[in-house]
Amino acid sequence: MKKVLIVDDATFMRISLRCILEKNGFEVIGEGKNGVEAISKYIDLRPDILTLDITMPEKNGIEVLKEIINIDPKANVVIISALGQETFVTEAVKLGAKGFLVKPFKEDFIIRTLSKL
């Protein structure tokens, strides 16, 4: 069972992702609501997969991704972005993100994307 850390500043998105993932055999081992929490919880929990929102307070997803990849070059980070943030997604993939999900997302696409990691 893959362990997932969900980081998104929107409570609704964290709850939605948690429900989808747990229903499909993933274990959600933690949640964060900003970039600072993302880094701290990643270090503490060492998840198999980190889902990371682009737009968050304190540190955005790109800043967090750079730090996570520095800490763990093999990190499985999946970026979550809203429509219209394609530039950030491209940058994130160049920096080492293993995939991306665009809000609003579909359950089957989430599971396919995360199952490949």
N, C-alpha and C. Protein backbone atom coordinates (compact mmCIF):
# COMPACT_ATOMS: atom_id res chain seq x y z
N MET A 1 0.84 -1.17 0.00
CA MET A 1 0.00 0.00 0.00
C MET A 1 0.89 1.24 0.00
N LYS A 2 0.69 2.11 -0.98
CA LYS A 2 1.50 3.32 -1.08
C LYS A 2 1.02 4.36 -0.08
N LYS A 3 1.99 5.00 0.58
CA LYS A 3 1.70 6.02 1.58
C LYS A 3 1.78 7.40 0.93
N VAL A 4 0.73 8.21 1.17
CA VAL A 4 0.61 9.50 0.50
C VAL A 4 0.50 10.63 1.51
N LEU A 5 1.20 11.72 1.22
CA LEU A 5 1.07 12.97 1.95
C LEU A 5 0.37 13.95 1.02
N ILE A 6 -0.74 14.52 1.48
CA ILE A 6 -1.53 15.47 0.69
C ILE A 6 -1.27 16.88 1.21
N VAL A 7 -0.87 17.79 0.31
CA VAL A 7 -0.66 19.18 0.72
C VAL A 7 -1.44 20.09 -0.21
N ASP A 8 -2.40 20.81 0.38
CA ASP A 8 -3.24 21.75 -0.35
C ASP A 8 -3.81 22.73 0.67
N ASP A 9 -3.86 24.01 0.33
CA ASP A 9 -4.39 24.98 1.29
C ASP A 9 -5.91 24.92 1.41
N ALA A 10 -6.58 24.26 0.49
CA ALA A 10 -8.04 24.14 0.54
C ALA A 10 -8.44 22.84 1.26
N THR A 11 -9.11 23.00 2.37
CA THR A 11 -9.56 21.84 3.16
C THR A 11 -10.40 20.89 2.31
N PHE A 12 -11.30 21.45 1.51
CA PHE A 12 -12.16 20.64 0.66
C PHE A 12 -11.34 19.74 -0.27
N MET A 13 -10.27 20.28 -0.84
CA MET A 13 -9.43 19.49 -1.76
C MET A 13 -8.72 18.36 -1.01
N ARG A 14 -8.23 18.66 0.17
CA ARG A 14 -7.56 17.61 0.96
C ARG A 14 -8.53 16.48 1.30
N ILE A 15 -9.73 16.85 1.71
CA ILE A 15 -10.74 15.84 2.06
C ILE A 15 -11.12 15.02 0.83
N SER A 16 -11.34 15.69 -0.28
CA SER A 16 -11.71 14.99 -1.53
C SER A 16 -10.63 14.00 -1.94
N LEU A 17 -9.39 14.46 -1.95
CA LEU A 17 -8.29 13.58 -2.33
C LEU A 17 -8.16 12.41 -1.36
N ARG A 18 -8.25 12.68 -0.07
CA ARG A 18 -8.15 11.62 0.93
C ARG A 18 -9.20 10.54 0.68
N CYS A 19 -10.44 10.94 0.45
CA CYS A 19 -11.53 9.99 0.21
C CYS A 19 -11.26 9.13 -1.03
N ILE A 20 -10.85 9.79 -2.10
CA ILE A 20 -10.57 9.07 -3.36
C ILE A 20 -9.42 8.08 -3.15
N LEU A 21 -8.34 8.54 -2.54
CA LEU A 21 -7.17 7.68 -2.37
C LEU A 21 -7.43 6.50 -1.45
N GLU A 22 -8.05 6.76 -0.30
CA GLU A 22 -8.31 5.68 0.64
C GLU A 22 -9.27 4.65 0.06
N LYS A 23 -10.24 5.11 -0.70
CA LYS A 23 -11.19 4.20 -1.34
C LYS A 23 -10.51 3.29 -2.36
N ASN A 24 -9.37 3.74 -2.87
CA ASN A 24 -8.66 2.99 -3.91
C ASN A 24 -7.36 2.35 -3.43
N GLY A 25 -7.25 2.13 -2.13
CA GLY A 25 -6.14 1.35 -1.61
C GLY A 25 -4.86 2.09 -1.24
N PHE A 26 -4.89 3.40 -1.25
CA PHE A 26 -3.73 4.18 -0.82
C PHE A 26 -3.89 4.51 0.66
N GLU A 27 -2.79 4.69 1.36
CA GLU A 27 -2.83 5.09 2.76
C GLU A 27 -2.40 6.55 2.86
N VAL A 28 -3.29 7.41 3.31
CA VAL A 28 -2.96 8.82 3.50
C VAL A 28 -2.35 8.95 4.90
N ILE A 29 -1.05 9.26 4.94
CA ILE A 29 -0.35 9.29 6.23
C ILE A 29 -0.24 10.70 6.80
N GLY A 30 -0.69 11.70 6.05
CA GLY A 30 -0.64 13.06 6.56
C GLY A 30 -1.19 14.06 5.57
N GLU A 31 -1.45 15.24 6.11
CA GLU A 31 -1.95 16.36 5.30
C GLU A 31 -1.24 17.64 5.74
N GLY A 32 -1.10 18.56 4.80
CA GLY A 32 -0.55 19.87 5.11
C GLY A 32 -1.34 20.93 4.38
N LYS A 33 -1.32 22.16 4.93
CA LYS A 33 -2.10 23.23 4.32
C LYS A 33 -1.26 24.37 3.75
N ASN A 34 0.08 24.25 3.84
CA ASN A 34 0.94 25.28 3.26
C ASN A 34 2.31 24.69 2.94
N GLY A 35 3.13 25.49 2.29
CA GLY A 35 4.43 24.99 1.85
C GLY A 35 5.39 24.63 2.97
N VAL A 36 5.35 25.38 4.07
CA VAL A 36 6.23 25.09 5.21
C VAL A 36 5.86 23.73 5.82
N GLU A 37 4.54 23.50 5.99
CA GLU A 37 4.10 22.20 6.51
C GLU A 37 4.48 21.07 5.56
N ALA A 38 4.42 21.32 4.27
CA ALA A 38 4.75 20.30 3.28
C ALA A 38 6.16 19.77 3.49
N ILE A 39 7.10 20.67 3.66
CA ILE A 39 8.51 20.26 3.82
C ILE A 39 8.70 19.54 5.15
N SER A 40 8.18 20.10 6.21
CA SER A 40 8.31 19.51 7.54
C SER A 40 7.71 18.11 7.59
N LYS A 41 6.50 17.97 7.06
CA LYS A 41 5.82 16.67 7.10
C LYS A 41 6.49 15.67 6.17
N TYR A 42 7.01 16.13 5.04
CA TYR A 42 7.72 15.22 4.14
C TYR A 42 8.93 14.63 4.86
N ILE A 43 9.69 15.46 5.54
CA ILE A 43 10.88 15.00 6.27
C ILE A 43 10.48 14.01 7.37
N ASP A 44 9.44 14.34 8.12
CA ASP A 44 9.00 13.49 9.23
C ASP A 44 8.38 12.18 8.78
N LEU A 45 7.55 12.23 7.73
CA LEU A 45 6.74 11.07 7.35
C LEU A 45 7.33 10.22 6.23
N ARG A 46 8.17 10.80 5.40
CA ARG A 46 8.77 10.11 4.25
C ARG A 46 7.74 9.31 3.45
N PRO A 47 6.77 10.00 2.87
CA PRO A 47 5.73 9.30 2.10
C PRO A 47 6.30 8.72 0.80
N ASP A 48 5.57 7.75 0.25
CA ASP A 48 5.93 7.22 -1.07
C ASP A 48 5.56 8.24 -2.15
N ILE A 49 4.49 9.00 -1.90
CA ILE A 49 3.99 9.98 -2.87
C ILE A 49 3.59 11.25 -2.12
N LEU A 50 3.93 12.39 -2.70
CA LEU A 50 3.50 13.69 -2.19
C LEU A 50 2.64 14.36 -3.25
N THR A 51 1.38 14.68 -2.91
CA THR A 51 0.57 15.50 -3.81
C THR A 51 0.71 16.93 -3.33
N LEU A 52 1.01 17.82 -4.24
CA LEU A 52 1.41 19.17 -3.87
C LEU A 52 0.70 20.21 -4.71
N ASP A 53 -0.07 21.06 -4.06
CA ASP A 53 -0.75 22.16 -4.74
C ASP A 53 0.29 23.20 -5.15
N ILE A 54 0.03 23.89 -6.24
CA ILE A 54 0.95 24.94 -6.72
C ILE A 54 0.78 26.22 -5.90
N THR A 55 -0.46 26.67 -5.75
CA THR A 55 -0.72 27.95 -5.11
C THR A 55 -1.08 27.74 -3.64
N MET A 56 -0.12 28.11 -2.77
CA MET A 56 -0.31 27.95 -1.32
C MET A 56 0.36 29.10 -0.60
N PRO A 57 -0.07 29.34 0.64
CA PRO A 57 0.60 30.39 1.44
C PRO A 57 1.97 29.92 1.95
N GLU A 58 2.77 30.88 2.32
CA GLU A 58 4.10 30.72 2.92
C GLU A 58 5.16 30.28 1.93
N LYS A 59 4.95 29.20 1.22
CA LYS A 59 5.83 28.78 0.12
C LYS A 59 4.93 28.15 -0.92
N ASN A 60 5.14 28.50 -2.19
CA ASN A 60 4.30 27.89 -3.22
C ASN A 60 4.84 26.50 -3.59
N GLY A 61 4.08 25.79 -4.39
CA GLY A 61 4.44 24.43 -4.74
C GLY A 61 5.77 24.30 -5.46
N ILE A 62 6.13 25.27 -6.27
CA ILE A 62 7.42 25.24 -6.98
C ILE A 62 8.58 25.35 -5.98
N GLU A 63 8.46 26.26 -5.04
CA GLU A 63 9.51 26.42 -4.01
C GLU A 63 9.64 25.13 -3.18
N VAL A 64 8.50 24.56 -2.82
CA VAL A 64 8.51 23.32 -2.03
C VAL A 64 9.13 22.19 -2.84
N LEU A 65 8.74 22.06 -4.09
CA LEU A 65 9.28 21.01 -4.95
C LEU A 65 10.80 21.08 -5.01
N LYS A 66 11.35 22.27 -5.20
CA LYS A 66 12.81 22.43 -5.25
C LYS A 66 13.45 21.91 -3.96
N GLU A 67 12.87 22.26 -2.82
CA GLU A 67 13.44 21.82 -1.54
C GLU A 67 13.30 20.31 -1.35
N ILE A 68 12.15 19.77 -1.72
CA ILE A 68 11.92 18.33 -1.56
C ILE A 68 12.90 17.54 -2.44
N ILE A 69 13.09 17.96 -3.67
CA ILE A 69 14.02 17.28 -4.57
C ILE A 69 15.45 17.38 -4.05
N ASN A 70 15.80 18.49 -3.41
CA ASN A 70 17.11 18.62 -2.78
C ASN A 70 17.28 17.62 -1.65
N ILE A 71 16.22 17.45 -0.86
CA ILE A 71 16.24 16.52 0.27
C ILE A 71 16.23 15.07 -0.21
N ASP A 72 15.40 14.80 -1.22
CA ASP A 72 15.20 13.44 -1.71
C ASP A 72 15.04 13.47 -3.23
N PRO A 73 16.14 13.32 -3.97
CA PRO A 73 16.09 13.41 -5.44
C PRO A 73 15.15 12.39 -6.09
N LYS A 74 14.81 11.32 -5.38
CA LYS A 74 13.93 10.30 -5.94
C LYS A 74 12.47 10.48 -5.49
N ALA A 75 12.15 11.61 -4.89
CA ALA A 75 10.79 11.86 -4.39
C ALA A 75 9.76 11.76 -5.51
N ASN A 76 8.64 11.14 -5.19
CA ASN A 76 7.51 11.04 -6.12
C ASN A 76 6.53 12.16 -5.80
N VAL A 77 6.71 13.28 -6.49
CA VAL A 77 5.86 14.45 -6.26
C VAL A 77 4.91 14.61 -7.44
N VAL A 78 3.62 14.71 -7.12
CA VAL A 78 2.60 14.96 -8.14
C VAL A 78 2.03 16.35 -7.86
N ILE A 79 2.15 17.22 -8.83
CA ILE A 79 1.69 18.60 -8.70
C ILE A 79 0.20 18.68 -9.00
N ILE A 80 -0.50 19.46 -8.21
CA ILE A 80 -1.92 19.71 -8.44
C ILE A 80 -2.08 21.19 -8.77
N SER A 81 -2.71 21.47 -9.91
CA SER A 81 -2.87 22.86 -10.31
C SER A 81 -4.27 23.11 -10.85
N ALA A 82 -4.64 24.35 -10.85
CA ALA A 82 -5.91 24.75 -11.45
C ALA A 82 -5.68 25.02 -12.93
N LEU A 83 -6.75 25.01 -13.68
CA LEU A 83 -6.64 25.38 -15.10
C LEU A 83 -6.01 26.76 -15.20
N GLY A 84 -5.17 26.95 -16.20
CA GLY A 84 -4.54 28.25 -16.38
C GLY A 84 -3.16 28.35 -15.75
N GLN A 85 -2.71 27.29 -15.09
CA GLN A 85 -1.39 27.31 -14.45
C GLN A 85 -0.40 26.41 -15.18
N GLU A 86 -0.58 26.25 -16.48
CA GLU A 86 0.25 25.34 -17.27
C GLU A 86 1.73 25.68 -17.20
N THR A 87 2.06 26.97 -17.11
CA THR A 87 3.46 27.38 -17.02
C THR A 87 4.12 26.78 -15.79
N PHE A 88 3.41 26.81 -14.66
CA PHE A 88 3.94 26.25 -13.43
C PHE A 88 4.10 24.74 -13.54
N VAL A 89 3.16 24.08 -14.20
CA VAL A 89 3.22 22.63 -14.35
C VAL A 89 4.45 22.25 -15.16
N THR A 90 4.70 22.96 -16.25
CA THR A 90 5.88 22.70 -17.08
C THR A 90 7.15 22.88 -16.27
N GLU A 91 7.23 23.95 -15.50
CA GLU A 91 8.40 24.19 -14.66
C GLU A 91 8.56 23.08 -13.63
N ALA A 92 7.46 22.65 -13.04
CA ALA A 92 7.50 21.60 -12.01
C ALA A 92 8.03 20.29 -12.59
N VAL A 93 7.59 19.93 -13.77
CA VAL A 93 8.07 18.69 -14.40
C VAL A 93 9.57 18.79 -14.68
N LYS A 94 10.02 19.95 -15.13
CA LYS A 94 11.46 20.15 -15.38
C LYS A 94 12.26 20.03 -14.09
N LEU A 95 11.65 20.43 -12.97
CA LEU A 95 12.34 20.38 -11.67
C LEU A 95 12.31 19.00 -11.02
N GLY A 96 11.50 18.09 -11.57
CA GLY A 96 11.51 16.74 -11.03
C GLY A 96 10.17 16.17 -10.60
N ALA A 97 9.08 16.91 -10.80
CA ALA A 97 7.76 16.35 -10.48
C ALA A 97 7.51 15.15 -11.38
N LYS A 98 6.90 14.12 -10.81
CA LYS A 98 6.66 12.88 -11.56
C LYS A 98 5.32 12.86 -12.29
N GLY A 99 4.49 13.87 -12.03
CA GLY A 99 3.20 13.93 -12.68
C GLY A 99 2.44 15.16 -12.24
N PHE A 100 1.26 15.33 -12.82
CA PHE A 100 0.44 16.47 -12.42
C PHE A 100 -1.03 16.14 -12.60
N LEU A 101 -1.84 16.78 -11.79
CA LEU A 101 -3.30 16.66 -11.84
C LEU A 101 -3.85 18.08 -11.97
N VAL A 102 -4.84 18.24 -12.83
CA VAL A 102 -5.46 19.55 -13.02
C VAL A 102 -6.83 19.54 -12.36
N LYS A 103 -7.08 20.57 -11.52
CA LYS A 103 -8.38 20.73 -10.87
C LYS A 103 -9.37 21.30 -11.88
N PRO A 104 -10.60 20.89 -11.88
CA PRO A 104 -11.14 19.78 -11.09
C PRO A 104 -10.68 18.45 -11.69
N PHE A 105 -10.34 17.50 -10.85
CA PHE A 105 -9.80 16.24 -11.36
C PHE A 105 -10.82 15.12 -11.29
N LYS A 106 -10.55 14.09 -12.08
CA LYS A 106 -11.41 12.92 -12.12
C LYS A 106 -10.73 11.79 -11.36
N GLU A 107 -11.53 11.03 -10.62
CA GLU A 107 -11.02 9.96 -9.78
C GLU A 107 -10.15 8.97 -10.55
N ASP A 108 -10.60 8.52 -11.71
CA ASP A 108 -9.84 7.51 -12.44
C ASP A 108 -8.48 8.04 -12.88
N PHE A 109 -8.40 9.33 -13.23
CA PHE A 109 -7.12 9.91 -13.64
C PHE A 109 -6.16 10.01 -12.44
N ILE A 110 -6.68 10.36 -11.28
CA ILE A 110 -5.86 10.43 -10.07
C ILE A 110 -5.25 9.06 -9.78
N ILE A 111 -6.09 8.05 -9.79
CA ILE A 111 -5.62 6.70 -9.45
C ILE A 111 -4.63 6.20 -10.49
N ARG A 112 -4.89 6.42 -11.75
CA ARG A 112 -3.93 6.00 -12.79
C ARG A 112 -2.59 6.69 -12.62
N THR A 113 -2.62 8.00 -12.37
CA THR A 113 -1.38 8.77 -12.22
C THR A 113 -0.57 8.30 -11.02
N LEU A 114 -1.21 8.15 -9.88
CA LEU A 114 -0.49 7.77 -8.67
C LEU A 114 -0.08 6.29 -8.68
N SER A 115 -0.83 5.45 -9.34
CA SER A 115 -0.49 4.02 -9.40
C SER A 115 0.77 3.76 -10.21
N LYS A 116 1.11 4.68 -11.13
CA LYS A 116 2.31 4.52 -11.95
C LYS A 116 3.58 4.78 -11.16
N LEU A 117 3.47 5.42 -10.01
CA LEU A 117 4.67 5.79 -9.25
C LEU A 117 5.15 4.66 -8.36
